[in-house]
């Protein structure tokens, strides 16, 4: 899964800069793994029709073949991201809050505004991913001591 590569890059980059892996980076990485799994569900959601035809078994295709509608599958992807953001908000110290809240607001906007609108354009996924990147960059700057 590409999520593992993203988390490994986060760990390796942090370790290369700090020379240690400490608890905040582990919390952040674990939460981001869940969020990235949600993004992967959203990414696969756009391809359900095509993947079904070629028997490519992604989680959205599997759920859809079991009778789950497309909108609930999309909501599952966003739900994983929401759970992640709530877990991070509950676990990380206050300097991380602006990044978590700002990223979450962008993700919520993406979910509500693009719901049912962009089956082919993938704008919702792009905007939602930008929300996660907002938090990731805030977390990196906070860990490095650059946050306000």
N, C-alpha and C. Protein backbone atom coordinates (compact mmCIF):
# COMPACT_ATOMS: atom_id res chain seq x y z
N UNK A 1 0.85 -1.19 0.00
CA UNK A 1 0.00 0.00 0.00
C UNK A 1 0.89 1.24 0.00
N UNK A 2 0.52 2.20 -0.81
CA UNK A 2 1.33 3.41 -0.91
C UNK A 2 1.31 4.21 0.38
N UNK A 3 0.30 3.99 1.23
CA UNK A 3 0.26 4.70 2.52
C UNK A 3 1.51 4.38 3.34
N UNK A 4 1.95 3.13 3.28
CA UNK A 4 3.14 2.72 4.02
C UNK A 4 4.36 3.50 3.55
N UNK A 5 4.46 3.72 2.24
CA UNK A 5 5.58 4.50 1.70
C UNK A 5 5.54 5.94 2.18
N UNK A 6 4.36 6.52 2.25
CA UNK A 6 4.23 7.90 2.72
C UNK A 6 4.66 7.99 4.18
N UNK A 7 4.18 7.06 4.99
CA UNK A 7 4.53 7.08 6.42
C UNK A 7 6.03 6.81 6.59
N UNK A 8 6.58 5.88 5.81
CA UNK A 8 8.02 5.60 5.89
C UNK A 8 8.83 6.85 5.54
N UNK A 9 8.39 7.58 4.53
CA UNK A 9 9.08 8.81 4.16
C UNK A 9 9.02 9.83 5.29
N UNK A 10 7.87 9.92 5.96
CA UNK A 10 7.72 10.83 7.09
C UNK A 10 8.69 10.44 8.21
N UNK A 11 8.72 9.16 8.56
CA UNK A 11 9.63 8.68 9.60
C UNK A 11 11.09 8.92 9.21
N UNK A 12 11.45 8.56 7.99
CA UNK A 12 12.84 8.69 7.55
C UNK A 12 13.28 10.14 7.51
N UNK A 13 12.43 11.01 7.00
CA UNK A 13 12.76 12.43 6.96
C UNK A 13 12.91 13.00 8.35
N UNK A 14 12.01 12.64 9.26
CA UNK A 14 12.09 13.12 10.63
C UNK A 14 13.36 12.60 11.31
N UNK A 15 13.62 11.30 11.12
CA UNK A 15 14.80 10.71 11.74
C UNK A 15 16.09 11.33 11.20
N UNK A 16 16.13 11.60 9.90
CA UNK A 16 17.32 12.20 9.31
C UNK A 16 17.57 13.59 9.88
N UNK A 17 16.50 14.32 10.20
CA UNK A 17 16.66 15.67 10.72
C UNK A 17 16.90 15.70 12.22
N UNK A 18 16.20 14.83 12.97
CA UNK A 18 16.26 14.88 14.43
C UNK A 18 17.16 13.81 15.05
N UNK A 19 17.41 12.71 14.31
CA UNK A 19 18.23 11.64 14.85
C UNK A 19 17.49 10.75 15.84
N UNK A 20 16.18 10.89 15.92
CA UNK A 20 15.37 10.09 16.84
C UNK A 20 13.94 10.00 16.33
N UNK A 21 13.24 8.98 16.76
CA UNK A 21 11.80 8.88 16.50
C UNK A 21 11.12 9.01 17.86
N UNK A 22 10.35 10.06 18.06
CA UNK A 22 9.70 10.24 19.35
C UNK A 22 8.18 10.09 19.24
N UNK A 23 7.51 10.20 20.36
CA UNK A 23 6.09 9.90 20.44
C UNK A 23 5.21 10.78 19.54
N UNK A 24 5.41 12.11 19.49
CA UNK A 24 4.54 12.92 18.62
C UNK A 24 4.57 12.51 17.15
N UNK A 25 5.74 12.16 16.64
CA UNK A 25 5.80 11.77 15.23
C UNK A 25 5.13 10.42 15.03
N UNK A 26 5.20 9.54 16.02
CA UNK A 26 4.53 8.24 15.91
C UNK A 26 3.01 8.43 15.91
N UNK A 27 2.50 9.31 16.78
CA UNK A 27 1.06 9.60 16.80
C UNK A 27 0.61 10.18 15.48
N UNK A 28 1.37 11.12 14.98
CA UNK A 28 1.02 11.76 13.72
C UNK A 28 1.02 10.75 12.58
N UNK A 29 2.03 9.91 12.53
CA UNK A 29 2.13 8.93 11.45
C UNK A 29 1.00 7.91 11.51
N UNK A 30 0.66 7.44 12.70
CA UNK A 30 -0.42 6.45 12.83
C UNK A 30 -1.75 7.05 12.37
N UNK A 31 -2.01 8.28 12.78
CA UNK A 31 -3.23 8.95 12.35
C UNK A 31 -3.26 9.19 10.85
N UNK A 32 -2.13 9.60 10.32
CA UNK A 32 -2.08 9.85 8.88
C UNK A 32 -2.25 8.58 8.07
N UNK A 33 -1.83 7.44 8.60
CA UNK A 33 -2.03 6.18 7.91
C UNK A 33 -3.53 5.93 7.70
N UNK A 34 -4.34 6.18 8.74
CA UNK A 34 -5.79 6.00 8.63
C UNK A 34 -6.36 7.00 7.62
N UNK A 35 -5.90 8.24 7.70
CA UNK A 35 -6.39 9.27 6.77
C UNK A 35 -6.02 8.92 5.34
N UNK A 36 -4.81 8.44 5.13
CA UNK A 36 -4.39 8.09 3.77
C UNK A 36 -5.17 6.89 3.24
N UNK A 37 -5.55 5.97 4.13
CA UNK A 37 -6.42 4.87 3.71
C UNK A 37 -7.77 5.43 3.25
N UNK A 38 -8.27 6.46 3.95
CA UNK A 38 -9.50 7.12 3.52
C UNK A 38 -9.34 7.78 2.17
N UNK A 39 -8.21 8.42 1.94
CA UNK A 39 -7.94 9.05 0.64
C UNK A 39 -7.89 7.98 -0.45
N UNK A 40 -7.32 6.83 -0.13
CA UNK A 40 -7.25 5.75 -1.11
C UNK A 40 -8.65 5.24 -1.45
N UNK A 41 -9.55 5.18 -0.46
CA UNK A 41 -10.95 4.81 -0.73
C UNK A 41 -11.57 5.84 -1.66
N UNK A 42 -11.33 7.12 -1.39
CA UNK A 42 -11.88 8.18 -2.24
C UNK A 42 -11.31 8.10 -3.65
N UNK A 43 -10.03 7.82 -3.75
CA UNK A 43 -9.40 7.71 -5.06
C UNK A 43 -9.99 6.55 -5.85
N UNK A 44 -10.20 5.42 -5.19
CA UNK A 44 -10.80 4.25 -5.85
C UNK A 44 -12.27 4.45 -6.17
N UNK A 45 -12.93 5.33 -5.43
CA UNK A 45 -14.36 5.59 -5.63
C UNK A 45 -14.64 6.09 -7.04
N UNK A 46 -13.74 6.90 -7.56
CA UNK A 46 -13.94 7.46 -8.90
C UNK A 46 -13.86 6.40 -9.99
N UNK A 47 -13.21 5.29 -9.69
CA UNK A 47 -12.96 4.27 -10.71
C UNK A 47 -13.79 3.00 -10.53
N UNK A 48 -14.85 3.06 -9.73
CA UNK A 48 -15.63 1.85 -9.44
C UNK A 48 -16.15 1.21 -10.72
N UNK A 49 -16.72 1.98 -11.61
CA UNK A 49 -17.29 1.41 -12.84
C UNK A 49 -16.21 0.75 -13.70
N UNK A 50 -15.11 1.44 -13.89
CA UNK A 50 -14.02 0.90 -14.72
C UNK A 50 -13.37 -0.30 -14.07
N UNK A 51 -13.07 -0.20 -12.77
CA UNK A 51 -12.40 -1.31 -12.07
C UNK A 51 -13.28 -2.55 -12.01
N UNK A 52 -14.58 -2.37 -11.89
CA UNK A 52 -15.49 -3.52 -11.88
C UNK A 52 -15.43 -4.28 -13.18
N UNK A 53 -15.37 -3.55 -14.28
CA UNK A 53 -15.34 -4.19 -15.61
C UNK A 53 -14.09 -5.02 -15.83
N UNK A 54 -12.97 -4.61 -15.26
CA UNK A 54 -11.72 -5.34 -15.47
C UNK A 54 -11.36 -6.23 -14.28
N UNK A 55 -12.30 -6.39 -13.36
CA UNK A 55 -12.14 -7.25 -12.17
C UNK A 55 -11.01 -6.80 -11.25
N UNK A 56 -10.76 -5.52 -11.19
CA UNK A 56 -9.78 -4.99 -10.25
C UNK A 56 -10.49 -4.81 -8.91
N UNK A 57 -10.08 -5.51 -7.89
CA UNK A 57 -10.80 -5.52 -6.63
C UNK A 57 -10.21 -4.52 -5.64
N UNK A 58 -10.69 -3.29 -5.69
CA UNK A 58 -10.35 -2.29 -4.70
C UNK A 58 -11.43 -2.32 -3.62
N UNK A 59 -11.20 -1.64 -2.51
CA UNK A 59 -12.20 -1.63 -1.44
C UNK A 59 -13.53 -1.04 -1.93
N UNK A 60 -13.53 0.08 -2.66
CA UNK A 60 -14.81 0.58 -3.17
C UNK A 60 -15.52 -0.40 -4.11
N UNK A 61 -14.78 -1.11 -4.96
CA UNK A 61 -15.38 -2.09 -5.86
C UNK A 61 -15.97 -3.23 -5.04
N UNK A 62 -15.23 -3.70 -4.04
CA UNK A 62 -15.72 -4.78 -3.19
C UNK A 62 -17.02 -4.38 -2.49
N UNK A 63 -17.02 -3.19 -1.87
CA UNK A 63 -18.22 -2.73 -1.17
C UNK A 63 -19.39 -2.55 -2.14
N UNK A 64 -19.10 -2.00 -3.31
CA UNK A 64 -20.16 -1.78 -4.30
C UNK A 64 -20.74 -3.11 -4.79
N UNK A 65 -19.87 -4.13 -4.93
CA UNK A 65 -20.35 -5.45 -5.36
C UNK A 65 -21.22 -6.12 -4.29
N UNK A 66 -21.07 -5.67 -3.04
CA UNK A 66 -21.89 -6.20 -1.94
C UNK A 66 -23.17 -5.39 -1.73
N UNK A 67 -23.44 -4.45 -2.64
CA UNK A 67 -24.69 -3.69 -2.58
C UNK A 67 -24.62 -2.34 -1.91
N UNK A 68 -23.43 -1.91 -1.52
CA UNK A 68 -23.27 -0.59 -0.91
C UNK A 68 -23.26 0.45 -2.01
N UNK A 69 -24.04 1.51 -1.84
CA UNK A 69 -24.11 2.57 -2.84
C UNK A 69 -22.84 3.40 -2.91
N UNK A 70 -22.71 4.15 -3.99
CA UNK A 70 -21.51 4.97 -4.19
C UNK A 70 -21.37 6.07 -3.15
N UNK A 71 -22.47 6.73 -2.79
CA UNK A 71 -22.37 7.81 -1.80
C UNK A 71 -21.93 7.31 -0.43
N UNK A 72 -22.48 6.19 0.08
CA UNK A 72 -21.96 5.67 1.36
C UNK A 72 -20.48 5.28 1.30
N UNK A 73 -20.03 4.78 0.15
CA UNK A 73 -18.61 4.45 0.02
C UNK A 73 -17.77 5.72 0.11
N UNK A 74 -18.22 6.76 -0.56
CA UNK A 74 -17.51 8.05 -0.49
C UNK A 74 -17.52 8.58 0.94
N UNK A 75 -18.66 8.45 1.61
CA UNK A 75 -18.75 8.91 2.99
C UNK A 75 -17.81 8.12 3.90
N UNK A 76 -17.59 6.84 3.62
CA UNK A 76 -16.65 6.03 4.38
C UNK A 76 -15.24 6.61 4.25
N UNK A 77 -14.85 6.95 3.04
CA UNK A 77 -13.52 7.53 2.83
C UNK A 77 -13.34 8.81 3.63
N UNK A 78 -14.32 9.70 3.55
CA UNK A 78 -14.24 10.93 4.32
C UNK A 78 -14.33 10.64 5.81
N UNK A 79 -15.13 9.65 6.19
CA UNK A 79 -15.26 9.28 7.61
C UNK A 79 -13.94 8.88 8.22
N UNK A 80 -13.13 8.12 7.47
CA UNK A 80 -11.81 7.75 7.98
C UNK A 80 -10.94 8.98 8.21
N UNK A 81 -11.05 9.94 7.32
CA UNK A 81 -10.28 11.18 7.49
C UNK A 81 -10.79 11.95 8.71
N UNK A 82 -12.11 12.02 8.90
CA UNK A 82 -12.66 12.73 10.06
C UNK A 82 -12.22 12.07 11.37
N UNK A 83 -12.28 10.74 11.41
CA UNK A 83 -11.85 10.03 12.62
C UNK A 83 -10.39 10.34 12.92
N UNK A 84 -9.57 10.33 11.89
CA UNK A 84 -8.16 10.64 12.07
C UNK A 84 -7.97 12.02 12.65
N UNK A 85 -8.64 13.00 12.07
CA UNK A 85 -8.47 14.37 12.54
C UNK A 85 -8.94 14.53 13.99
N UNK A 86 -10.03 13.84 14.36
CA UNK A 86 -10.49 13.91 15.75
C UNK A 86 -9.49 13.25 16.69
N UNK A 87 -8.94 12.10 16.28
CA UNK A 87 -7.93 11.44 17.11
C UNK A 87 -6.71 12.32 17.29
N UNK A 88 -6.25 12.92 16.22
CA UNK A 88 -5.09 13.80 16.31
C UNK A 88 -5.38 15.01 17.19
N UNK A 89 -6.57 15.56 17.06
CA UNK A 89 -6.94 16.71 17.88
C UNK A 89 -6.96 16.34 19.36
N UNK A 90 -7.39 15.13 19.67
CA UNK A 90 -7.45 14.69 21.07
C UNK A 90 -6.07 14.32 21.62
N UNK A 91 -5.14 13.94 20.75
CA UNK A 91 -3.86 13.41 21.24
C UNK A 91 -2.69 14.37 21.15
N UNK A 92 -2.70 15.23 20.18
CA UNK A 92 -1.53 16.09 19.98
C UNK A 92 -1.64 17.36 20.82
N UNK A 93 -0.52 17.98 21.14
CA UNK A 93 -0.54 19.20 21.95
C UNK A 93 -1.09 20.41 21.18
N UNK A 94 -1.46 21.46 21.91
CA UNK A 94 -2.10 22.64 21.30
C UNK A 94 -1.39 23.28 20.11
N UNK A 95 -0.06 23.28 20.00
CA UNK A 95 0.53 23.89 18.81
C UNK A 95 0.09 23.24 17.49
N UNK A 96 -0.41 22.01 17.55
CA UNK A 96 -0.87 21.32 16.35
C UNK A 96 -2.32 21.69 15.98
N UNK A 97 -3.07 22.27 16.92
CA UNK A 97 -4.50 22.52 16.71
C UNK A 97 -4.82 23.34 15.47
N UNK A 98 -4.14 24.47 15.22
CA UNK A 98 -4.50 25.24 14.01
C UNK A 98 -4.37 24.43 12.72
N UNK A 99 -3.33 23.61 12.63
CA UNK A 99 -3.16 22.78 11.43
C UNK A 99 -4.24 21.73 11.31
N UNK A 100 -4.59 21.10 12.44
CA UNK A 100 -5.64 20.07 12.41
C UNK A 100 -6.98 20.70 12.06
N UNK A 101 -7.30 21.81 12.70
CA UNK A 101 -8.60 22.46 12.46
C UNK A 101 -8.67 23.00 11.04
N UNK A 102 -7.61 23.66 10.58
CA UNK A 102 -7.60 24.20 9.22
C UNK A 102 -7.71 23.09 8.18
N UNK A 103 -6.93 22.04 8.36
CA UNK A 103 -7.00 20.91 7.44
C UNK A 103 -8.37 20.26 7.44
N UNK A 104 -8.95 20.11 8.64
CA UNK A 104 -10.28 19.50 8.76
C UNK A 104 -11.35 20.33 8.06
N UNK A 105 -11.26 21.65 8.20
CA UNK A 105 -12.25 22.51 7.55
C UNK A 105 -12.18 22.39 6.03
N UNK A 106 -10.97 22.27 5.50
CA UNK A 106 -10.82 22.09 4.05
C UNK A 106 -11.42 20.75 3.62
N UNK A 107 -11.17 19.69 4.41
CA UNK A 107 -11.72 18.37 4.10
C UNK A 107 -13.24 18.39 4.16
N UNK A 108 -13.81 19.04 5.19
CA UNK A 108 -15.27 19.13 5.30
C UNK A 108 -15.85 19.88 4.10
N UNK A 109 -15.21 20.98 3.72
CA UNK A 109 -15.67 21.71 2.54
C UNK A 109 -15.66 20.80 1.31
N UNK A 110 -14.56 20.06 1.14
CA UNK A 110 -14.44 19.14 0.01
C UNK A 110 -15.57 18.12 0.02
N UNK A 111 -15.86 17.57 1.16
CA UNK A 111 -16.90 16.54 1.28
C UNK A 111 -18.28 17.10 0.96
N UNK A 112 -18.59 18.24 1.53
CA UNK A 112 -19.95 18.78 1.37
C UNK A 112 -20.14 19.46 0.01
N UNK A 113 -19.17 20.21 -0.44
CA UNK A 113 -19.34 20.97 -1.67
C UNK A 113 -19.31 20.08 -2.91
N UNK A 114 -18.38 19.12 -2.94
CA UNK A 114 -18.22 18.31 -4.14
C UNK A 114 -19.02 17.01 -4.10
N UNK A 115 -19.79 16.78 -3.05
CA UNK A 115 -20.57 15.54 -2.93
C UNK A 115 -21.54 15.42 -4.10
N UNK A 116 -21.37 14.40 -4.91
CA UNK A 116 -22.26 14.16 -6.04
C UNK A 116 -22.04 15.05 -7.24
N UNK A 117 -20.97 15.84 -7.24
CA UNK A 117 -20.76 16.79 -8.33
C UNK A 117 -19.64 16.43 -9.28
N UNK A 118 -18.63 15.71 -8.81
CA UNK A 118 -17.41 15.62 -9.61
C UNK A 118 -16.94 14.18 -9.83
N UNK A 119 -17.81 13.34 -10.35
CA UNK A 119 -17.45 11.93 -10.53
C UNK A 119 -16.23 11.77 -11.44
N UNK A 120 -16.07 12.61 -12.41
CA UNK A 120 -14.95 12.47 -13.34
C UNK A 120 -13.80 13.44 -13.07
N UNK A 121 -14.08 14.61 -12.55
CA UNK A 121 -13.04 15.64 -12.43
C UNK A 121 -12.12 15.44 -11.24
N UNK A 122 -12.57 14.76 -10.22
CA UNK A 122 -11.78 14.48 -9.00
C UNK A 122 -11.41 15.74 -8.23
N UNK A 123 -12.22 16.78 -8.35
CA UNK A 123 -11.91 18.02 -7.63
C UNK A 123 -12.05 17.83 -6.12
N UNK A 124 -13.04 17.06 -5.70
CA UNK A 124 -13.22 16.83 -4.27
C UNK A 124 -12.03 16.15 -3.65
N UNK A 125 -11.49 15.17 -4.34
CA UNK A 125 -10.30 14.46 -3.85
C UNK A 125 -9.10 15.40 -3.79
N UNK A 126 -8.95 16.25 -4.79
CA UNK A 126 -7.84 17.20 -4.80
C UNK A 126 -7.94 18.18 -3.64
N UNK A 127 -9.14 18.72 -3.43
CA UNK A 127 -9.32 19.68 -2.35
C UNK A 127 -9.16 18.99 -0.99
N UNK A 128 -9.73 17.79 -0.83
CA UNK A 128 -9.58 17.05 0.42
C UNK A 128 -8.12 16.72 0.70
N UNK A 129 -7.38 16.32 -0.33
CA UNK A 129 -5.95 16.05 -0.17
C UNK A 129 -5.18 17.29 0.24
N UNK A 130 -5.59 18.44 -0.27
CA UNK A 130 -4.95 19.70 0.12
C UNK A 130 -5.17 19.96 1.61
N UNK A 131 -6.35 19.58 2.12
CA UNK A 131 -6.61 19.73 3.55
C UNK A 131 -5.67 18.88 4.38
N UNK A 132 -5.43 17.65 3.94
CA UNK A 132 -4.49 16.80 4.67
C UNK A 132 -3.07 17.34 4.57
N UNK A 133 -2.68 17.84 3.39
CA UNK A 133 -1.36 18.43 3.25
C UNK A 133 -1.19 19.65 4.14
N UNK A 134 -2.26 20.42 4.31
CA UNK A 134 -2.21 21.58 5.21
C UNK A 134 -1.80 21.13 6.60
N UNK A 135 -2.45 20.07 7.10
CA UNK A 135 -2.09 19.56 8.43
C UNK A 135 -0.68 19.00 8.44
N UNK A 136 -0.30 18.23 7.42
CA UNK A 136 1.03 17.62 7.40
C UNK A 136 2.11 18.70 7.45
N UNK A 137 1.97 19.74 6.65
CA UNK A 137 2.97 20.80 6.66
C UNK A 137 2.98 21.54 8.00
N UNK A 138 1.79 21.78 8.56
CA UNK A 138 1.73 22.43 9.87
C UNK A 138 2.43 21.57 10.92
N UNK A 139 2.19 20.25 10.87
CA UNK A 139 2.83 19.34 11.83
C UNK A 139 4.35 19.38 11.67
N UNK A 140 4.83 19.37 10.45
CA UNK A 140 6.28 19.40 10.23
C UNK A 140 6.87 20.71 10.76
N UNK A 141 6.22 21.82 10.45
CA UNK A 141 6.72 23.11 10.93
C UNK A 141 6.64 23.20 12.46
N UNK A 142 5.61 22.64 13.05
CA UNK A 142 5.48 22.64 14.50
C UNK A 142 6.58 21.81 15.15
N UNK A 143 6.83 20.64 14.60
CA UNK A 143 7.87 19.76 15.15
C UNK A 143 9.24 20.42 15.03
N UNK A 144 9.46 21.13 13.95
CA UNK A 144 10.75 21.79 13.74
C UNK A 144 10.86 23.12 14.49
N UNK A 145 9.77 23.55 15.13
CA UNK A 145 9.80 24.76 15.93
C UNK A 145 9.49 26.03 15.15
N UNK A 146 8.87 25.91 13.98
CA UNK A 146 8.58 27.10 13.18
C UNK A 146 7.15 27.60 13.33
N UNK A 147 6.31 26.92 14.11
CA UNK A 147 4.90 27.36 14.21
C UNK A 147 4.80 28.59 15.10
N UNK A 148 3.66 29.24 15.00
CA UNK A 148 3.43 30.47 15.75
C UNK A 148 3.11 30.19 17.19
